[in-house]
PDB file of all heavy atoms in Angstrom:
ATOM      1  N   ALA A   1      48.994 -52.058  32.109  1.00  0.00           N
ATOM      2  CA  ALA A   1      48.181 -50.912  32.003  1.00  0.00           C
ATOM      3  C   ALA A   1      48.030 -50.405  30.562  1.00  0.00           C
ATOM      4  O   ALA A   1      47.047 -49.990  30.119  1.00  0.00           O
ATOM      5  CB  ALA A   1      48.754 -49.826  32.899  1.00  0.00           C
ATOM      6  N   PHE A   2      49.143 -50.526  29.925  1.00  0.00           N
ATOM      7  CA  PHE A   2      49.105 -50.057  28.395  1.00  0.00           C
ATOM      8  C   PHE A   2      48.718 -51.162  27.495  1.00  0.00           C
ATOM      9  O   PHE A   2      47.701 -51.093  26.695  1.00  0.00           O
ATOM     10  CB  PHE A   2      50.450 -49.539  27.933  1.00  0.00           C
ATOM     11  CG  PHE A   2      50.354 -48.977  26.534  1.00  0.00           C
ATOM     12  CD1 PHE A   2      49.722 -47.809  26.155  1.00  0.00           C
ATOM     13  CD2 PHE A   2      50.899 -49.805  25.470  1.00  0.00           C
ATOM     14  CE1 PHE A   2      49.716 -47.403  24.835  1.00  0.00           C
ATOM     15  CE2 PHE A   2      50.847 -49.403  24.186  1.00  0.00           C
ATOM     16  CZ  PHE A   2      50.268 -48.191  23.864  1.00  0.00           C
ATOM     17  N   TYR A   3      49.380 -52.320  27.613  1.00  0.00           N
ATOM     18  CA  TYR A   3      49.079 -53.443  26.790  1.00  0.00           C
ATOM     19  C   TYR A   3      48.804 -54.641  27.665  1.00  0.00           C
ATOM     20  O   TYR A   3      49.610 -55.041  28.534  1.00  0.00           O
ATOM     21  CB  TYR A   3      50.262 -53.842  25.780  1.00  0.00           C
ATOM     22  CG  TYR A   3      49.875 -55.042  24.902  1.00  0.00           C
ATOM     23  CD1 TYR A   3      49.189 -54.845  23.759  1.00  0.00           C
ATOM     24  CD2 TYR A   3      50.274 -56.289  25.311  1.00  0.00           C
ATOM     25  CE1 TYR A   3      48.910 -55.940  22.874  1.00  0.00           C
ATOM     26  CE2 TYR A   3      49.935 -57.398  24.495  1.00  0.00           C
ATOM     27  CZ  TYR A   3      49.232 -57.168  23.328  1.00  0.00           C
ATOM     28  OH  TYR A   3      48.872 -58.218  22.473  1.00  0.00           O
ATOM     29  N   PRO A   4      47.582 -55.164  27.614  1.00  0.00           N
ATOM     30  CA  PRO A   4      46.518 -54.925  26.643  1.00  0.00           C
ATOM     31  C   PRO A   4      45.378 -54.034  27.077  1.00  0.00           C
ATOM     32  O   PRO A   4      44.463 -53.790  26.417  1.00  0.00           O
ATOM     33  CB  PRO A   4      46.000 -56.290  26.433  1.00  0.00           C
ATOM     34  CG  PRO A   4      46.136 -57.007  27.765  1.00  0.00           C
ATOM     35  CD  PRO A   4      47.334 -56.402  28.414  1.00  0.00           C
ATOM     36  N   PHE A   5      45.498 -53.505  28.383  1.00  0.00           N
ATOM     37  CA  PHE A   5      44.241 -52.749  28.873  1.00  0.00           C
ATOM     38  C   PHE A   5      44.088 -51.451  28.057  1.00  0.00           C
ATOM     39  O   PHE A   5      42.831 -51.253  27.864  1.00  0.00           O
ATOM     40  CB  PHE A   5      44.556 -52.423  30.389  1.00  0.00           C
ATOM     41  CG  PHE A   5      44.448 -53.583  31.223  1.00  0.00           C
ATOM     42  CD1 PHE A   5      45.112 -53.571  32.465  1.00  0.00           C
ATOM     43  CD2 PHE A   5      43.776 -54.729  30.891  1.00  0.00           C
ATOM     44  CE1 PHE A   5      45.100 -54.725  33.354  1.00  0.00           C
ATOM     45  CE2 PHE A   5      43.783 -55.913  31.714  1.00  0.00           C
ATOM     46  CZ  PHE A   5      44.395 -55.768  32.928  1.00  0.00           C
ATOM     47  N   THR A   6      45.000 -50.712  27.730  1.00  0.00           N
ATOM     48  CA  THR A   6      44.810 -49.517  26.934  1.00  0.00           C
ATOM     49  C   THR A   6      44.633 -49.873  25.466  1.00  0.00           C
ATOM     50  O   THR A   6      43.661 -49.570  24.768  1.00  0.00           O
ATOM     51  CB  THR A   6      45.942 -48.527  27.089  1.00  0.00           C
ATOM     52  OG1 THR A   6      46.127 -48.182  28.448  1.00  0.00           O
ATOM     53  CG2 THR A   6      45.718 -47.234  26.225  1.00  0.00           C
ATOM     54  N   PHE A   7      45.616 -50.536  24.960  1.00  0.00           N
ATOM     55  CA  PHE A   7      45.573 -51.055  23.482  1.00  0.00           C
ATOM     56  C   PHE A   7      45.838 -52.657  23.529  1.00  0.00           C
ATOM     57  O   PHE A   7      46.814 -53.052  24.048  1.00  0.00           O
ATOM     58  CB  PHE A   7      46.688 -50.434  22.657  1.00  0.00           C
ATOM     59  CG  PHE A   7      46.690 -50.865  21.212  1.00  0.00           C
ATOM     60  CD1 PHE A   7      45.917 -50.304  20.322  1.00  0.00           C
ATOM     61  CD2 PHE A   7      47.520 -51.899  20.858  1.00  0.00           C
ATOM     62  CE1 PHE A   7      45.927 -50.728  18.984  1.00  0.00           C
ATOM     63  CE2 PHE A   7      47.534 -52.324  19.502  1.00  0.00           C
ATOM     64  CZ  PHE A   7      46.772 -51.707  18.568  1.00  0.00           C
ATOM     65  N   PRO A   8      44.916 -53.370  22.955  1.00  0.00           N
ATOM     66  CA  PRO A   8      43.767 -53.002  22.146  1.00  0.00           C
ATOM     67  C   PRO A   8      42.400 -53.010  22.800  1.00  0.00           C
ATOM     68  O   PRO A   8      41.391 -52.784  22.192  1.00  0.00           O
ATOM     69  CB  PRO A   8      43.782 -54.042  21.030  1.00  0.00           C
ATOM     70  CG  PRO A   8      44.220 -55.257  21.729  1.00  0.00           C
ATOM     71  CD  PRO A   8      45.196 -54.784  22.799  1.00  0.00           C
ATOM     72  N   ILE A   9      42.289 -53.313  24.152  1.00  0.00           N
ATOM     73  CA  ILE A   9      41.104 -53.516  24.742  1.00  0.00           C
ATOM     74  C   ILE A   9      40.191 -52.206  24.749  1.00  0.00           C
ATOM     75  O   ILE A   9      39.027 -52.183  24.423  1.00  0.00           O
ATOM     76  CB  ILE A   9      41.185 -54.072  26.249  1.00  0.00           C
ATOM     77  CG1 ILE A   9      41.771 -55.454  26.093  1.00  0.00           C
ATOM     78  CG2 ILE A   9      39.905 -53.956  26.894  1.00  0.00           C
ATOM     79  CD1 ILE A   9      42.025 -56.089  27.501  1.00  0.00           C
ATOM     80  N   THR A  10      40.877 -51.107  25.168  1.00  0.00           N
ATOM     81  CA  THR A  10      40.230 -49.739  25.274  1.00  0.00           C
ATOM     82  C   THR A  10      40.177 -49.054  23.961  1.00  0.00           C
ATOM     83  O   THR A  10      39.105 -48.707  23.376  1.00  0.00           O
ATOM     84  CB  THR A  10      40.820 -48.911  26.358  1.00  0.00           C
ATOM     85  OG1 THR A  10      40.762 -49.684  27.638  1.00  0.00           O
ATOM     86  CG2 THR A  10      40.107 -47.663  26.592  1.00  0.00           C
ATOM     87  N   ALA A  11      41.336 -48.756  23.435  1.00  0.00           N
ATOM     88  CA  ALA A  11      41.578 -48.080  22.192  1.00  0.00           C
ATOM     89  C   ALA A  11      42.163 -48.976  21.157  1.00  0.00           C
ATOM     90  O   ALA A  11      43.429 -49.179  21.214  1.00  0.00           O
ATOM     91  CB  ALA A  11      42.361 -46.794  22.298  1.00  0.00           C
ATOM     92  N   GLY A  12      41.382 -49.590  20.297  1.00  0.00           N
ATOM     93  CA  GLY A  12      41.856 -50.654  19.331  1.00  0.00           C
ATOM     94  C   GLY A  12      42.205 -49.998  17.949  1.00  0.00           C
ATOM     95  O   GLY A  12      42.283 -48.740  17.863  1.00  0.00           O
ATOM     96  N   PRO A  13      42.470 -50.834  17.006  1.00  0.00           N
ATOM     97  CA  PRO A  13      42.799 -50.404  15.602  1.00  0.00           C
ATOM     98  C   PRO A  13      41.689 -49.509  15.097  1.00  0.00           C
ATOM     99  O   PRO A  13      42.042 -48.533  14.308  1.00  0.00           O
ATOM    100  CB  PRO A  13      42.850 -51.686  14.793  1.00  0.00           C
ATOM    101  CG  PRO A  13      43.237 -52.730  15.892  1.00  0.00           C
ATOM    102  CD  PRO A  13      42.500 -52.390  17.103  1.00  0.00           C
ATOM    103  N   GLY A  14      40.445 -49.660  15.418  1.00  0.00           N
ATOM    104  CA  GLY A  14      39.331 -48.779  14.932  1.00  0.00           C
ATOM    105  C   GLY A  14      39.563 -47.396  15.360  1.00  0.00           C
ATOM    106  O   GLY A  14      39.316 -46.461  14.559  1.00  0.00           O
ATOM    107  N   CYS A  15      40.036 -47.221  16.633  1.00  0.00           N
ATOM    108  CA  CYS A  15      40.238 -45.794  17.109  1.00  0.00           C
ATOM    109  C   CYS A  15      41.424 -45.155  16.283  1.00  0.00           C
ATOM    110  O   CYS A  15      41.372 -43.948  16.079  1.00  0.00           O
ATOM    111  CB  CYS A  15      40.641 -45.880  18.557  1.00  0.00           C
ATOM    112  SG  CYS A  15      39.231 -46.379  19.644  1.00  0.00           S
ATOM    113  N   ILE A  16      42.450 -45.999  15.856  1.00  0.00           N
ATOM    114  CA  ILE A  16      43.525 -45.396  15.069  1.00  0.00           C
ATOM    115  C   ILE A  16      43.031 -44.919  13.808  1.00  0.00           C
ATOM    116  O   ILE A  16      43.363 -43.835  13.305  1.00  0.00           O
ATOM    117  CB  ILE A  16      44.688 -46.476  14.942  1.00  0.00           C
ATOM    118  CG1 ILE A  16      45.247 -46.839  16.279  1.00  0.00           C
ATOM    119  CG2 ILE A  16      45.745 -45.948  13.984  1.00  0.00           C
ATOM    120  CD1 ILE A  16      46.227 -47.942  16.236  1.00  0.00           C
ATOM    121  N   VAL A  17      42.163 -45.697  13.103  1.00  0.00           N
ATOM    122  CA  VAL A  17      41.614 -45.318  11.769  1.00  0.00           C
ATOM    123  C   VAL A  17      40.767 -43.998  11.965  1.00  0.00           C
ATOM    124  O   VAL A  17      40.896 -43.033  11.162  1.00  0.00           O
ATOM    125  CB  VAL A  17      40.777 -46.467  11.216  1.00  0.00           C
ATOM    126  CG1 VAL A  17      39.977 -45.997   9.990  1.00  0.00           C
ATOM    127  CG2 VAL A  17      41.537 -47.641  10.973  1.00  0.00           C
ATOM    128  N   VAL A  18      39.920 -43.877  12.969  1.00  0.00           N
ATOM    129  CA  VAL A  18      39.067 -42.769  13.229  1.00  0.00           C
ATOM    130  C   VAL A  18      39.929 -41.599  13.447  1.00  0.00           C
ATOM    131  O   VAL A  18      39.711 -40.432  12.862  1.00  0.00           O
ATOM    132  CB  VAL A  18      38.134 -42.997  14.452  1.00  0.00           C
ATOM    133  CG1 VAL A  18      37.531 -41.682  14.773  1.00  0.00           C
ATOM    134  CG2 VAL A  18      37.169 -44.026  14.089  1.00  0.00           C
ATOM    135  N   MET A  19      40.933 -41.596  14.330  1.00  0.00           N
ATOM    136  CA  MET A  19      41.748 -40.456  14.633  1.00  0.00           C
ATOM    137  C   MET A  19      42.556 -40.013  13.392  1.00  0.00           C
ATOM    138  O   MET A  19      42.709 -38.859  13.101  1.00  0.00           O
ATOM    139  CB  MET A  19      42.688 -40.715  15.789  1.00  0.00           C
ATOM    140  CG  MET A  19      42.036 -40.803  17.170  1.00  0.00           C
ATOM    141  SD  MET A  19      41.017 -39.422  17.517  1.00  0.00           S
ATOM    142  CE  MET A  19      42.318 -38.172  17.830  1.00  0.00           C
ATOM    143  N   LEU A  20      43.084 -40.947  12.600  1.00  0.00           N
ATOM    144  CA  LEU A  20      43.825 -40.615  11.437  1.00  0.00           C
ATOM    145  C   LEU A  20      42.871 -39.881  10.429  1.00  0.00           C
ATOM    146  O   LEU A  20      43.252 -38.880   9.824  1.00  0.00           O
ATOM    147  CB  LEU A  20      44.403 -41.870  10.723  1.00  0.00           C
ATOM    148  CG  LEU A  20      45.683 -42.434  11.337  1.00  0.00           C
ATOM    149  CD1 LEU A  20      46.032 -43.650  10.732  1.00  0.00           C
ATOM    150  CD2 LEU A  20      46.818 -41.452  11.227  1.00  0.00           C
ATOM    151  N   THR A  21      41.649 -40.444  10.287  1.00  0.00           N
ATOM    152  CA  THR A  21      40.689 -39.869   9.321  1.00  0.00           C
ATOM    153  C   THR A  21      40.298 -38.503   9.774  1.00  0.00           C
ATOM    154  O   THR A  21      40.176 -37.598   8.976  1.00  0.00           O
ATOM    155  CB  THR A  21      39.509 -40.831   9.123  1.00  0.00           C
ATOM    156  OG1 THR A  21      39.938 -42.034   8.825  1.00  0.00           O
ATOM    157  CG2 THR A  21      38.498 -40.299   8.141  1.00  0.00           C
ATOM    158  N   LEU A  22      40.008 -38.308  10.991  1.00  0.00           N
ATOM    159  CA  LEU A  22      39.469 -37.072  11.527  1.00  0.00           C
ATOM    160  C   LEU A  22      40.634 -36.000  11.410  1.00  0.00           C
ATOM    161  O   LEU A  22      40.347 -34.812  11.193  1.00  0.00           O
ATOM    162  CB  LEU A  22      39.011 -37.133  12.903  1.00  0.00           C
ATOM    163  CG  LEU A  22      37.651 -37.930  13.069  1.00  0.00           C
ATOM    164  CD1 LEU A  22      37.184 -37.977  14.487  1.00  0.00           C
ATOM    165  CD2 LEU A  22      36.545 -37.292  12.292  1.00  0.00           C
ATOM    166  N   SER A  23      41.884 -36.443  11.731  1.00  0.00           N
ATOM    167  CA  SER A  23      43.044 -35.564  11.613  1.00  0.00           C
ATOM    168  C   SER A  23      43.201 -34.976  10.245  1.00  0.00           C
ATOM    169  O   SER A  23      43.343 -33.767  10.048  1.00  0.00           O
ATOM    170  CB  SER A  23      44.262 -36.305  12.201  1.00  0.00           C
ATOM    171  OG  SER A  23      45.408 -35.418  12.158  1.00  0.00           O
ATOM    172  N   VAL A  24      43.236 -35.834   9.265  1.00  0.00           N
ATOM    173  CA  VAL A  24      43.465 -35.391   7.945  1.00  0.00           C
ATOM    174  C   VAL A  24      42.105 -34.765   7.359  1.00  0.00           C
ATOM    175  O   VAL A  24      42.155 -34.017   6.371  1.00  0.00           O
ATOM    176  CB  VAL A  24      43.900 -36.505   6.962  1.00  0.00           C
ATOM    177  CG1 VAL A  24      45.169 -37.102   7.487  1.00  0.00           C
ATOM    178  CG2 VAL A  24      42.874 -37.590   6.921  1.00  0.00           C
ATOM    179  N   HIS A  25      41.014 -35.046   8.058  1.00  0.00           N
ATOM    180  CA  HIS A  25      39.744 -34.427   7.573  1.00  0.00           C
ATOM    181  C   HIS A  25      39.704 -32.909   7.926  1.00  0.00           C
ATOM    182  O   HIS A  25      38.917 -32.203   7.453  1.00  0.00           O
ATOM    183  CB  HIS A  25      38.566 -35.068   8.245  1.00  0.00           C
ATOM    184  CG  HIS A  25      37.261 -34.641   7.912  1.00  0.00           C
ATOM    185  ND1 HIS A  25      36.804 -34.734   6.482  1.00  0.00           N
ATOM    186  CD2 HIS A  25      36.206 -34.024   8.525  1.00  0.00           C
ATOM    187  CE1 HIS A  25      35.567 -34.164   6.482  1.00  0.00           C
ATOM    188  NE2 HIS A  25      35.204 -33.752   7.576  1.00  0.00           N
ATOM    189  N   ASN A  26      40.650 -32.507   8.854  1.00  0.00           N
ATOM    190  CA  ASN A  26      40.713 -31.144   9.159  1.00  0.00           C
ATOM    191  C   ASN A  26      41.247 -30.193   8.074  1.00  0.00           C
ATOM    192  O   ASN A  26      42.441 -30.189   7.740  1.00  0.00           O
ATOM    193  CB  ASN A  26      41.740 -30.965  10.435  1.00  0.00           C
ATOM    194  CG  ASN A  26      41.949 -29.552  10.841  1.00  0.00           C
ATOM    195  OD1 ASN A  26      41.203 -28.571  10.429  1.00  0.00           O
ATOM    196  ND2 ASN A  26      42.902 -29.410  11.835  1.00  0.00           N
ATOM    197  N   GLN A  27      40.344 -29.585   7.378  1.00  0.00           N
ATOM    198  CA  GLN A  27      40.601 -28.831   6.186  1.00  0.00           C
ATOM    199  C   GLN A  27      40.598 -27.360   6.491  1.00  0.00           C
ATOM    200  O   GLN A  27      40.445 -26.521   5.522  1.00  0.00           O
ATOM    201  CB  GLN A  27      39.634 -29.159   5.022  1.00  0.00           C
ATOM    202  CG  GLN A  27      39.740 -30.575   4.514  1.00  0.00           C
ATOM    203  CD  GLN A  27      38.644 -30.920   3.514  1.00  0.00           C
ATOM    204  OE1 GLN A  27      37.563 -30.559   3.547  1.00  0.00           O
ATOM    205  NE2 GLN A  27      39.170 -31.574   2.437  1.00  0.00           N
ATOM    206  N   GLN A  28      40.776 -26.830   7.696  1.00  0.00           N
ATOM    207  CA  GLN A  28      40.815 -25.462   8.009  1.00  0.00           C
ATOM    208  C   GLN A  28      41.992 -24.820   7.318  1.00  0.00           C
ATOM    209  O   GLN A  28      43.025 -25.331   7.198  1.00  0.00           O
ATOM    210  CB  GLN A  28      40.844 -25.297   9.496  1.00  0.00           C
ATOM    211  CG  GLN A  28      39.752 -25.980  10.272  1.00  0.00           C
ATOM    212  CD  GLN A  28      38.377 -25.675   9.786  1.00  0.00           C
ATOM    213  OE1 GLN A  28      38.043 -24.422   9.639  1.00  0.00           O
ATOM    214  NE2 GLN A  28      37.433 -26.630   9.741  1.00  0.00           N
ATOM    215  N   THR A  29      41.715 -23.545   6.784  1.00  0.00           N
ATOM    216  CA  THR A  29      42.778 -22.856   6.130  1.00  0.00           C
ATOM    217  C   THR A  29      43.830 -22.191   7.016  1.00  0.00           C
ATOM    218  O   THR A  29      44.971 -22.277   6.727  1.00  0.00           O
ATOM    219  CB  THR A  29      42.046 -21.861   5.198  1.00  0.00           C
ATOM    220  OG1 THR A  29      41.213 -20.956   5.970  1.00  0.00           O
ATOM    221  CG2 THR A  29      41.238 -22.594   4.118  1.00  0.00           C
ATOM    222  N   SER A  30      43.293 -21.501   8.030  1.00  0.00           N
ATOM    223  CA  SER A  30      44.226 -20.682   8.870  1.00  0.00           C
ATOM    224  C   SER A  30      44.862 -21.673   9.877  1.00  0.00           C
ATOM    225  O   SER A  30      44.285 -22.631  10.277  1.00  0.00           O
ATOM    226  CB  SER A  30      43.510 -19.527   9.530  1.00  0.00           C
ATOM    227  OG  SER A  30      42.535 -20.013  10.446  1.00  0.00           O
ATOM    228  N   ILE A  31      46.047 -21.184  10.393  1.00  0.00           N
ATOM    229  CA  ILE A  31      46.673 -21.942  11.432  1.00  0.00           C
ATOM    230  C   ILE A  31      45.846 -21.939  12.737  1.00  0.00           C
ATOM    231  O   ILE A  31      45.796 -22.993  13.401  1.00  0.00           O
ATOM    232  CB  ILE A  31      48.061 -21.403  11.646  1.00  0.00           C
ATOM    233  CG1 ILE A  31      48.972 -21.550  10.458  1.00  0.00           C
ATOM    234  CG2 ILE A  31      48.713 -22.077  12.871  1.00  0.00           C
ATOM    235  CD1 ILE A  31      50.335 -20.920  10.611  1.00  0.00           C
ATOM    236  N   GLU A  32      45.326 -20.903  12.993  1.00  0.00           N
ATOM    237  CA  GLU A  32      44.429 -20.732  14.246  1.00  0.00           C
ATOM    238  C   GLU A  32      43.338 -21.752  14.209  1.00  0.00           C
ATOM    239  O   GLU A  32      43.010 -22.467  15.209  1.00  0.00           O
ATOM    240  CB  GLU A  32      43.902 -19.286  14.435  1.00  0.00           C
ATOM    241  CG  GLU A  32      43.057 -19.100  15.688  1.00  0.00           C
ATOM    242  CD  GLU A  32      42.466 -17.707  15.745  1.00  0.00           C
ATOM    243  OE1 GLU A  32      42.857 -16.868  14.888  1.00  0.00           O
ATOM    244  OE2 GLU A  32      41.695 -17.448  16.629  1.00  0.00           O
ATOM    245  N   ASP A  33      42.604 -21.818  13.007  1.00  0.00           N
ATOM    246  CA  ASP A  33      41.515 -22.789  12.969  1.00  0.00           C
ATOM    247  C   ASP A  33      42.037 -24.199  13.082  1.00  0.00           C
ATOM    248  O   ASP A  33      41.278 -25.114  13.620  1.00  0.00           O
ATOM    249  CB  ASP A  33      40.803 -22.592  11.608  1.00  0.00           C
ATOM    250  CG  ASP A  33      39.946 -21.199  11.665  1.00  0.00           C
ATOM    251  OD1 ASP A  33      39.791 -20.734  12.718  1.00  0.00           O
ATOM    252  OD2 ASP A  33      39.545 -20.806  10.575  1.00  0.00           O
ATOM    253  N   LYS A  34      43.118 -24.494  12.489  1.00  0.00           N
ATOM    254  CA  LYS A  34      43.645 -25.836  12.481  1.00  0.00           C
ATOM    255  C   LYS A  34      43.957 -26.237  13.960  1.00  0.00           C
ATOM    256  O   LYS A  34      43.647 -27.333  14.446  1.00  0.00           O
ATOM    257  CB  LYS A  34      44.939 -25.985  11.682  1.00  0.00           C
ATOM    258  CG  LYS A  34      44.746 -26.042  10.189  1.00  0.00           C
ATOM    259  CD  LYS A  34      46.010 -26.145   9.475  1.00  0.00           C
ATOM    260  CE  LYS A  34      45.877 -26.194   7.930  1.00  0.00           C
ATOM    261  NZ  LYS A  34      45.098 -27.450   7.514  1.00  0.00           N
ATOM    262  N   VAL A  35      44.540 -25.301  14.684  1.00  0.00           N
ATOM    263  CA  VAL A  35      44.913 -25.515  16.147  1.00  0.00           C
ATOM    264  C   VAL A  35      43.571 -25.800  16.892  1.00  0.00           C
ATOM    265  O   VAL A  35      43.508 -26.680  17.727  1.00  0.00           O
ATOM    266  CB  VAL A  35      45.584 -24.315  16.710  1.00  0.00           C
ATOM    267  CG1 VAL A  35      45.774 -24.520  18.225  1.00  0.00           C
ATOM    268  CG2 VAL A  35      47.002 -24.297  16.074  1.00  0.00           C
ATOM    269  N   LEU A  36      42.568 -24.940  16.590  1.00  0.00           N
ATOM    270  CA  LEU A  36      41.254 -25.131  17.262  1.00  0.00           C
ATOM    271  C   LEU A  36      40.650 -26.487  16.986  1.00  0.00           C
ATOM    272  O   LEU A  36      40.069 -27.084  17.856  1.00  0.00           O
ATOM    273  CB  LEU A  36      40.322 -24.030  16.896  1.00  0.00           C
ATOM    274  CG  LEU A  36      40.700 -22.525  17.437  1.00  0.00           C
ATOM    275  CD1 LEU A  36      39.717 -21.538  16.910  1.00  0.00           C
ATOM    276  CD2 LEU A  36      40.669 -22.492  18.942  1.00  0.00           C
ATOM    277  N   ALA A  37      40.737 -26.932  15.826  1.00  0.00           N
ATOM    278  CA  ALA A  37      40.257 -28.257  15.399  1.00  0.00           C
ATOM    279  C   ALA A  37      40.926 -29.312  16.221  1.00  0.00           C
ATOM    280  O   ALA A  37      40.286 -30.302  16.686  1.00  0.00           O
ATOM    281  CB  ALA A  37      40.432 -28.520  13.893  1.00  0.00           C
ATOM    282  N   HIS A  38      42.261 -29.279  16.288  1.00  0.00           N
ATOM    283  CA  HIS A  38      42.960 -30.261  17.025  1.00  0.00           C
ATOM    284  C   HIS A  38      42.613 -30.185  18.567  1.00  0.00           C
ATOM    285  O   HIS A  38      42.642 -31.194  19.165  1.00  0.00           O
ATOM    286  CB  HIS A  38      44.476 -30.029  16.860  1.00  0.00           C
ATOM    287  CG  HIS A  38      45.012 -30.540  15.577  1.00  0.00           C
ATOM    288  ND1 HIS A  38      44.985 -31.927  15.146  1.00  0.00           N
ATOM    289  CD2 HIS A  38      45.528 -29.910  14.462  1.00  0.00           C
ATOM    290  CE1 HIS A  38      45.504 -32.075  13.979  1.00  0.00           C
ATOM    291  NE2 HIS A  38      45.869 -30.874  13.515  1.00  0.00           N
TER     292      HIS A  38
END
């Protein structure tokens, strides 16, 4: 169910790159805004 159906068939390395990029792309200043972005 997890390997290989979840990773890498469903969520592969590309998804890891996207989530890392979007996570650090979160440039909100306040804690509340950061939480809302997540």
